[in-house]
Amino acid sequence: MASSKSRLYEICAAKHWHPPSFECCEDGPGHKKLYAFKVTIEVQLEGSTTILECHGAPKSKKKMAEQHATEGALWYLMHLGIINGHN
């Protein structure tokens, strides 16, 4: 099963969109650092471009934080009707 990040890259490629960008933010002291990601996608539909930014909740591990933001982006694309739950 593909990761949510791989799935998002595949959807962007299939739709001929730019690849998503990921930005990590850190917060907290070194021993209790939390990470949060922002995923940005340029959604191009019917001649117009919409910038979608999804912010994930802070997590103790970078990979978990990145996945949370990515799953939010996929959820949003699905509820806009751009993708279905099986894309």
N, C-alpha and C. Protein backbone atom coordinates (compact mmCIF):
# COMPACT_ATOMS: atom_id res chain seq x y z
N MET A 1 0.84 -1.18 0.00
CA MET A 1 0.00 0.00 0.00
C MET A 1 0.89 1.24 0.00
N ALA A 2 0.59 2.17 -0.87
CA ALA A 2 1.39 3.39 -1.00
C ALA A 2 1.15 4.32 0.18
N SER A 3 2.18 5.07 0.54
CA SER A 3 2.02 6.05 1.61
C SER A 3 1.13 7.19 1.11
N SER A 4 0.60 7.95 2.05
CA SER A 4 -0.25 9.08 1.67
C SER A 4 0.55 10.11 0.87
N LYS A 5 1.84 10.27 1.18
CA LYS A 5 2.68 11.22 0.45
C LYS A 5 2.85 10.75 -1.00
N SER A 6 3.13 9.45 -1.19
CA SER A 6 3.27 8.90 -2.54
C SER A 6 1.97 9.06 -3.31
N ARG A 7 0.86 8.80 -2.64
CA ARG A 7 -0.45 8.92 -3.28
C ARG A 7 -0.70 10.36 -3.74
N LEU A 8 -0.35 11.32 -2.90
CA LEU A 8 -0.54 12.73 -3.26
C LEU A 8 0.32 13.10 -4.46
N TYR A 9 1.57 12.64 -4.48
CA TYR A 9 2.44 12.89 -5.64
C TYR A 9 1.85 12.27 -6.91
N GLU A 10 1.32 11.06 -6.80
CA GLU A 10 0.72 10.37 -7.95
C GLU A 10 -0.50 11.13 -8.48
N ILE A 11 -1.33 11.62 -7.57
CA ILE A 11 -2.53 12.37 -7.97
C ILE A 11 -2.11 13.66 -8.69
N CYS A 12 -1.15 14.36 -8.13
CA CYS A 12 -0.68 15.61 -8.77
C CYS A 12 -0.13 15.33 -10.16
N ALA A 13 0.63 14.25 -10.30
CA ALA A 13 1.20 13.90 -11.61
C ALA A 13 0.08 13.54 -12.60
N ALA A 14 -0.89 12.76 -12.14
CA ALA A 14 -1.99 12.33 -13.01
C ALA A 14 -2.84 13.52 -13.47
N LYS A 15 -2.97 14.53 -12.61
CA LYS A 15 -3.77 15.71 -12.94
C LYS A 15 -2.95 16.79 -13.66
N HIS A 16 -1.65 16.52 -13.85
CA HIS A 16 -0.72 17.47 -14.48
C HIS A 16 -0.57 18.75 -13.66
N TRP A 17 -0.58 18.59 -12.33
CA TRP A 17 -0.34 19.70 -11.41
C TRP A 17 1.12 19.69 -11.02
N HIS A 18 1.60 20.81 -10.48
CA HIS A 18 2.94 20.84 -9.91
C HIS A 18 2.98 19.88 -8.72
N PRO A 19 4.13 19.30 -8.43
CA PRO A 19 4.23 18.43 -7.25
C PRO A 19 3.92 19.22 -5.98
N PRO A 20 3.40 18.56 -4.96
CA PRO A 20 3.13 19.26 -3.69
C PRO A 20 4.44 19.68 -3.04
N SER A 21 4.38 20.74 -2.25
CA SER A 21 5.56 21.15 -1.47
C SER A 21 5.25 20.93 0.01
N PHE A 22 6.30 20.58 0.73
CA PHE A 22 6.18 20.29 2.16
C PHE A 22 7.10 21.22 2.93
N GLU A 23 6.56 21.82 3.99
CA GLU A 23 7.36 22.72 4.83
C GLU A 23 7.21 22.27 6.27
N CYS A 24 8.35 22.09 6.94
CA CYS A 24 8.34 21.63 8.33
C CYS A 24 8.64 22.79 9.27
N CYS A 25 7.90 22.83 10.37
CA CYS A 25 8.13 23.81 11.42
C CYS A 25 8.40 23.04 12.71
N GLU A 26 9.37 23.50 13.49
CA GLU A 26 9.69 22.86 14.76
C GLU A 26 9.31 23.79 15.89
N ASP A 27 8.96 23.18 17.03
CA ASP A 27 8.62 23.98 18.19
C ASP A 27 8.96 23.20 19.44
N GLY A 28 9.31 23.90 20.48
CA GLY A 28 9.58 23.28 21.77
C GLY A 28 11.06 23.05 22.02
N PRO A 29 11.41 22.74 23.27
CA PRO A 29 12.81 22.49 23.62
C PRO A 29 13.31 21.20 22.97
N GLY A 30 14.62 21.07 22.84
CA GLY A 30 15.23 19.93 22.15
C GLY A 30 14.74 18.57 22.59
N HIS A 31 14.50 18.37 23.87
CA HIS A 31 14.08 17.06 24.36
C HIS A 31 12.57 16.83 24.21
N LYS A 32 11.81 17.85 23.89
CA LYS A 32 10.35 17.71 23.70
C LYS A 32 9.92 18.42 22.43
N LYS A 33 10.75 18.34 21.41
CA LYS A 33 10.49 19.04 20.16
C LYS A 33 9.26 18.43 19.47
N LEU A 34 8.44 19.32 18.92
CA LEU A 34 7.28 18.90 18.14
C LEU A 34 7.46 19.42 16.71
N TYR A 35 6.94 18.66 15.77
CA TYR A 35 7.05 19.00 14.35
C TYR A 35 5.66 19.13 13.76
N ALA A 36 5.49 20.11 12.91
CA ALA A 36 4.23 20.28 12.18
C ALA A 36 4.59 20.57 10.72
N PHE A 37 3.80 20.04 9.81
CA PHE A 37 4.04 20.25 8.39
C PHE A 37 2.91 21.02 7.75
N LYS A 38 3.28 21.74 6.71
CA LYS A 38 2.31 22.39 5.84
C LYS A 38 2.52 21.82 4.45
N VAL A 39 1.44 21.34 3.83
CA VAL A 39 1.48 20.83 2.47
C VAL A 39 0.78 21.87 1.58
N THR A 40 1.45 22.25 0.50
CA THR A 40 0.88 23.22 -0.43
C THR A 40 0.74 22.57 -1.80
N ILE A 41 -0.45 22.71 -2.39
CA ILE A 41 -0.74 22.14 -3.70
C ILE A 41 -1.39 23.22 -4.56
N GLU A 42 -0.94 23.33 -5.80
CA GLU A 42 -1.60 24.21 -6.77
C GLU A 42 -2.63 23.38 -7.51
N VAL A 43 -3.89 23.54 -7.14
CA VAL A 43 -4.99 22.79 -7.75
C VAL A 43 -5.45 23.56 -8.98
N GLN A 44 -5.35 22.93 -10.14
CA GLN A 44 -5.72 23.59 -11.39
C GLN A 44 -6.98 22.92 -11.95
N LEU A 45 -8.06 23.69 -11.98
CA LEU A 45 -9.34 23.19 -12.46
C LEU A 45 -9.98 24.21 -13.38
N GLU A 46 -10.41 23.75 -14.52
CA GLU A 46 -11.18 24.57 -15.46
C GLU A 46 -10.55 25.95 -15.70
N GLY A 47 -9.24 25.97 -15.94
CA GLY A 47 -8.56 27.21 -16.27
C GLY A 47 -8.20 28.10 -15.11
N SER A 48 -8.51 27.72 -13.89
CA SER A 48 -8.13 28.54 -12.74
C SER A 48 -7.26 27.73 -11.79
N THR A 49 -6.47 28.44 -11.00
CA THR A 49 -5.57 27.80 -10.04
C THR A 49 -5.97 28.21 -8.63
N THR A 50 -6.09 27.23 -7.76
CA THR A 50 -6.36 27.47 -6.35
C THR A 50 -5.19 26.91 -5.56
N ILE A 51 -4.70 27.67 -4.61
CA ILE A 51 -3.62 27.21 -3.75
C ILE A 51 -4.25 26.57 -2.51
N LEU A 52 -3.98 25.28 -2.33
CA LEU A 52 -4.48 24.54 -1.17
C LEU A 52 -3.34 24.37 -0.18
N GLU A 53 -3.53 24.86 1.04
CA GLU A 53 -2.55 24.68 2.11
C GLU A 53 -3.20 23.89 3.23
N CYS A 54 -2.58 22.79 3.59
CA CYS A 54 -3.07 21.96 4.69
C CYS A 54 -2.01 21.89 5.77
N HIS A 55 -2.40 22.24 6.97
CA HIS A 55 -1.50 22.23 8.11
C HIS A 55 -1.84 21.02 8.98
N GLY A 56 -0.82 20.25 9.30
CA GLY A 56 -1.02 19.10 10.18
C GLY A 56 -0.82 19.49 11.63
N ALA A 57 -1.36 18.67 12.52
CA ALA A 57 -1.18 18.90 13.96
C ALA A 57 0.25 18.58 14.37
N PRO A 58 0.76 19.26 15.38
CA PRO A 58 2.12 18.97 15.86
C PRO A 58 2.23 17.52 16.36
N LYS A 59 3.32 16.88 15.97
CA LYS A 59 3.58 15.49 16.36
C LYS A 59 5.03 15.38 16.84
N SER A 60 5.32 14.32 17.58
CA SER A 60 6.67 14.14 18.12
C SER A 60 7.66 13.63 17.08
N LYS A 61 7.17 13.09 15.97
CA LYS A 61 8.05 12.58 14.91
C LYS A 61 7.72 13.28 13.59
N LYS A 62 8.78 13.61 12.84
CA LYS A 62 8.59 14.33 11.57
C LYS A 62 7.71 13.55 10.60
N LYS A 63 7.96 12.25 10.48
CA LYS A 63 7.21 11.44 9.51
C LYS A 63 5.71 11.43 9.85
N MET A 64 5.39 11.33 11.13
CA MET A 64 3.98 11.34 11.55
C MET A 64 3.35 12.70 11.25
N ALA A 65 4.09 13.78 11.48
CA ALA A 65 3.57 15.13 11.22
C ALA A 65 3.34 15.34 9.73
N GLU A 66 4.27 14.88 8.91
CA GLU A 66 4.14 15.01 7.46
C GLU A 66 2.94 14.20 6.96
N GLN A 67 2.77 13.00 7.49
CA GLN A 67 1.65 12.16 7.09
C GLN A 67 0.32 12.79 7.49
N HIS A 68 0.25 13.39 8.66
CA HIS A 68 -0.99 14.02 9.12
C HIS A 68 -1.41 15.15 8.18
N ALA A 69 -0.46 15.99 7.79
CA ALA A 69 -0.76 17.10 6.88
C ALA A 69 -1.17 16.56 5.51
N THR A 70 -0.48 15.53 5.04
CA THR A 70 -0.77 14.94 3.74
C THR A 70 -2.16 14.32 3.71
N GLU A 71 -2.51 13.61 4.77
CA GLU A 71 -3.85 13.01 4.84
C GLU A 71 -4.93 14.09 4.85
N GLY A 72 -4.64 15.23 5.46
CA GLY A 72 -5.58 16.35 5.44
C GLY A 72 -5.78 16.87 4.03
N ALA A 73 -4.70 16.96 3.27
CA ALA A 73 -4.80 17.42 1.88
C ALA A 73 -5.62 16.44 1.04
N LEU A 74 -5.37 15.14 1.22
CA LEU A 74 -6.13 14.12 0.49
C LEU A 74 -7.60 14.17 0.85
N TRP A 75 -7.90 14.33 2.14
CA TRP A 75 -9.29 14.42 2.60
C TRP A 75 -9.98 15.60 1.93
N TYR A 76 -9.29 16.74 1.90
CA TYR A 76 -9.88 17.94 1.32
C TYR A 76 -10.15 17.75 -0.17
N LEU A 77 -9.19 17.19 -0.90
CA LEU A 77 -9.37 16.94 -2.33
C LEU A 77 -10.55 15.98 -2.57
N MET A 78 -10.70 15.00 -1.69
CA MET A 78 -11.80 14.05 -1.83
C MET A 78 -13.14 14.75 -1.58
N HIS A 79 -13.22 15.59 -0.57
CA HIS A 79 -14.49 16.24 -0.25
C HIS A 79 -14.84 17.37 -1.23
N LEU A 80 -13.86 17.84 -1.98
CA LEU A 80 -14.15 18.79 -3.05
C LEU A 80 -14.64 18.06 -4.30
N GLY A 81 -14.51 16.72 -4.30
CA GLY A 81 -14.91 15.94 -5.46
C GLY A 81 -13.84 15.87 -6.53
N ILE A 82 -12.63 16.30 -6.22
CA ILE A 82 -11.53 16.27 -7.19
C ILE A 82 -11.01 14.85 -7.35
N ILE A 83 -10.96 14.11 -6.25
CA ILE A 83 -10.58 12.70 -6.28
C ILE A 83 -11.66 11.92 -5.56
N ASN A 84 -11.65 10.59 -5.77
CA ASN A 84 -12.56 9.76 -4.98
C ASN A 84 -11.73 8.99 -3.97
N GLY A 85 -12.35 8.30 -3.10
CA GLY A 85 -11.67 7.58 -2.04
C GLY A 85 -10.77 6.47 -2.53
N HIS A 86 -10.84 6.14 -3.82
CA HIS A 86 -10.05 5.04 -4.37
C HIS A 86 -8.93 5.52 -5.27
N ASN A 87 -8.77 6.85 -5.48
CA ASN A 87 -7.70 7.36 -6.36
C ASN A 87 -6.35 7.05 -5.76
